[in-house]
Amino acid sequence: MKLRHPEDRRKTHPLFADWRWAFRGRRNTVRRNLDGPEAAVDRYGIKLVSTVLSILLLSGMDATFTLILLRHEVVHEWNPLMRLLIEYDVQTFANMKTALTASALVLLVPCHGSIILGRVPVRSIINWLAVGYCVLVLYEITLMSMFVW
């Protein structure tokens, strides 16, 4: 039996090279102990995925509740950029708010196993972001129950 060299791989067209991994990913753990905590994977655990989806859902709820509270003049938008977007178009406001949250998550999720500033795990930042959105949405629900409903 002839042993194959590691570089002797079947050549595929670049367009179809990674399609079989498109939806299920290839790596969910690091391959070597030498890779360390900064190694990236392309399959994430259910806890991380559910946290990220929760953050996106809570961000959308925050945008909706903010618009309801602004319409009833219960709150005032302090962020000058968001205030400008609300005055321009509420759909643009909602899209931009969701896009900013999603782009932050796109940057944080691949680094979820890393540590920044020498001691802060990125996973903790993602979890605290979810907690912050939960507190914010609960506060907005409380305001709506007191002043709107």
Protein backbone atom coordinates (compact mmCIF):
# COMPACT_ATOMS: atom_id res chain seq x y z
CA MET A 1 0.00 0.00 0.00
CA LYS A 2 1.39 3.36 -1.03
CA LEU A 3 1.43 6.02 1.69
CA ARG A 4 0.14 9.39 0.63
CA HIS A 5 2.00 12.57 1.24
CA PRO A 6 -0.02 15.13 3.30
CA GLU A 7 -0.02 17.54 0.35
CA ASP A 8 -1.48 14.93 -2.02
CA ARG A 9 -5.09 15.97 -1.75
CA ARG A 10 -7.84 15.80 -4.25
CA LYS A 11 -8.12 19.16 -5.96
CA THR A 12 -11.55 20.74 -6.00
CA HIS A 13 -12.83 23.81 -7.68
CA PRO A 14 -12.41 26.83 -5.35
CA LEU A 15 -16.09 27.68 -5.65
CA PHE A 16 -17.10 24.33 -4.16
CA ALA A 17 -14.14 23.74 -1.85
CA ASP A 18 -15.82 24.47 1.49
CA TRP A 19 -19.54 24.03 0.81
CA ARG A 20 -19.82 20.83 2.79
CA TRP A 21 -18.70 22.74 5.90
CA ALA A 22 -20.87 25.81 5.29
CA PHE A 23 -23.62 25.01 7.76
CA ARG A 24 -22.06 22.67 10.25
CA GLY A 25 -18.47 23.94 10.51
CA ARG A 26 -15.33 21.92 10.86
CA ARG A 27 -13.64 22.78 14.15
CA ASN A 28 -15.25 23.00 17.54
CA THR A 29 -12.07 22.57 19.57
CA VAL A 30 -8.45 23.55 19.11
CA ARG A 31 -6.33 20.93 17.38
CA ARG A 32 -3.17 21.16 19.40
CA ASN A 33 -2.33 22.13 22.92
CA LEU A 34 0.13 24.60 21.44
CA ASP A 35 -2.67 26.60 19.81
CA GLY A 36 -3.56 28.24 23.12
CA PRO A 37 -6.65 30.20 24.07
CA GLU A 38 -6.41 32.59 21.11
CA ALA A 39 -7.04 29.81 18.57
CA ALA A 40 -10.28 30.22 16.64
CA VAL A 41 -12.91 27.61 15.87
CA ASP A 42 -15.79 27.69 13.41
CA ARG A 43 -18.35 25.74 15.45
CA TYR A 44 -19.61 27.33 18.62
CA GLY A 45 -21.32 25.84 21.64
CA ILE A 46 -25.05 26.10 22.19
CA LYS A 47 -24.55 28.39 25.20
CA LEU A 48 -22.62 30.96 23.17
CA VAL A 49 -25.05 30.78 20.24
CA SER A 50 -28.08 31.17 22.49
CA THR A 51 -26.44 34.10 24.30
CA VAL A 52 -25.71 35.85 21.01
CA LEU A 53 -29.24 35.26 19.70
CA SER A 54 -30.65 36.54 22.99
CA ILE A 55 -28.57 39.71 22.70
CA LEU A 56 -29.87 40.30 19.17
CA LEU A 57 -33.46 39.70 20.25
CA LEU A 58 -33.07 41.99 23.27
CA SER A 59 -31.51 44.67 21.07
CA GLY A 60 -34.56 44.60 18.81
CA MET A 61 -36.86 44.75 21.83
CA ASP A 62 -34.87 47.70 23.16
CA ALA A 63 -35.28 49.59 19.88
CA THR A 64 -39.02 48.88 19.82
CA PHE A 65 -39.57 49.82 23.46
CA THR A 66 -37.48 52.97 23.05
CA LEU A 67 -39.68 54.10 20.16
CA ILE A 68 -42.85 53.38 22.16
CA LEU A 69 -41.55 55.30 25.18
CA LEU A 70 -40.44 58.21 22.99
CA ARG A 71 -43.84 58.36 21.31
CA HIS A 72 -45.51 58.66 24.73
CA GLU A 73 -42.86 61.21 25.83
CA VAL A 74 -41.80 59.11 28.80
CA VAL A 75 -38.09 59.13 27.96
CA HIS A 76 -35.64 61.22 25.96
CA GLU A 77 -32.93 59.77 23.72
CA TRP A 78 -29.58 60.90 25.13
CA ASN A 79 -27.38 59.47 22.40
CA PRO A 80 -27.01 62.28 19.82
CA LEU A 81 -26.43 59.88 16.90
CA MET A 82 -29.48 57.79 17.73
CA ARG A 83 -31.57 60.94 18.33
CA LEU A 84 -30.59 62.18 14.87
CA LEU A 85 -31.53 58.82 13.33
CA ILE A 86 -34.91 58.80 15.12
CA GLU A 87 -35.65 62.28 13.83
CA TYR A 88 -34.60 61.22 10.33
CA ASP A 89 -36.44 57.88 10.14
CA VAL A 90 -37.42 55.35 12.80
CA GLN A 91 -36.70 52.40 10.48
CA THR A 92 -33.16 53.68 9.94
CA PHE A 93 -32.81 54.01 13.72
CA ALA A 94 -33.92 50.40 14.30
CA ASN A 95 -31.69 49.09 11.50
CA MET A 96 -28.64 51.02 12.69
CA LYS A 97 -29.14 49.99 16.31
CA THR A 98 -29.41 46.34 15.35
CA ALA A 99 -26.47 46.61 12.94
CA LEU A 100 -24.22 48.16 15.60
CA THR A 101 -25.04 45.41 18.07
CA ALA A 102 -24.59 42.70 15.45
CA SER A 103 -21.25 44.10 14.27
CA ALA A 104 -19.97 44.14 17.85
CA LEU A 105 -20.97 40.50 18.20
CA VAL A 106 -19.33 39.63 14.87
CA LEU A 107 -16.08 40.96 16.32
CA LEU A 108 -16.49 39.38 19.77
CA VAL A 109 -17.73 35.86 18.96
CA PRO A 110 -14.66 34.59 17.05
CA CYS A 111 -12.50 35.77 19.96
CA HIS A 112 -14.74 34.32 22.68
CA GLY A 113 -11.89 32.18 24.05
CA SER A 114 -9.41 35.06 24.22
CA ILE A 115 -8.42 37.43 26.98
CA ILE A 116 -8.08 41.17 26.38
CA LEU A 117 -6.28 43.79 28.41
CA GLY A 118 -4.37 40.99 30.08
CA ARG A 119 -7.22 39.78 32.28
CA VAL A 120 -10.71 40.25 30.80
CA PRO A 121 -12.13 37.18 29.03
CA VAL A 122 -14.12 38.04 25.90
CA ARG A 123 -16.68 35.42 26.94
CA SER A 124 -17.39 37.54 30.04
CA ILE A 125 -17.92 40.64 27.90
CA ILE A 126 -20.51 38.77 25.82
CA ASN A 127 -22.28 37.52 28.96
CA TRP A 128 -22.28 40.99 30.57
CA LEU A 129 -23.65 42.44 27.35
CA ALA A 130 -26.56 39.99 27.60
CA VAL A 131 -27.11 40.88 31.27
CA GLY A 132 -27.01 44.60 30.44
CA TYR A 133 -29.62 44.21 27.71
CA CYS A 134 -31.83 42.16 30.06
CA VAL A 135 -31.69 44.89 32.70
CA LEU A 136 -32.37 47.59 30.11
CA VAL A 137 -35.37 45.78 28.62
CA LEU A 138 -36.80 45.06 32.08
CA TYR A 139 -36.41 48.75 32.95
CA GLU A 140 -38.22 49.75 29.75
CA ILE A 141 -41.02 47.26 30.47
CA THR A 142 -41.34 48.77 33.95
CA LEU A 143 -41.56 52.27 32.46
CA MET A 144 -44.18 51.14 29.97
CA SER A 145 -46.25 49.48 32.69
CA MET A 146 -46.18 52.69 34.74
CA PHE A 147 -46.74 55.30 32.03
CA VAL A 148 -48.03 53.69 28.82
CA TRP A 149 -50.38 50.82 29.68
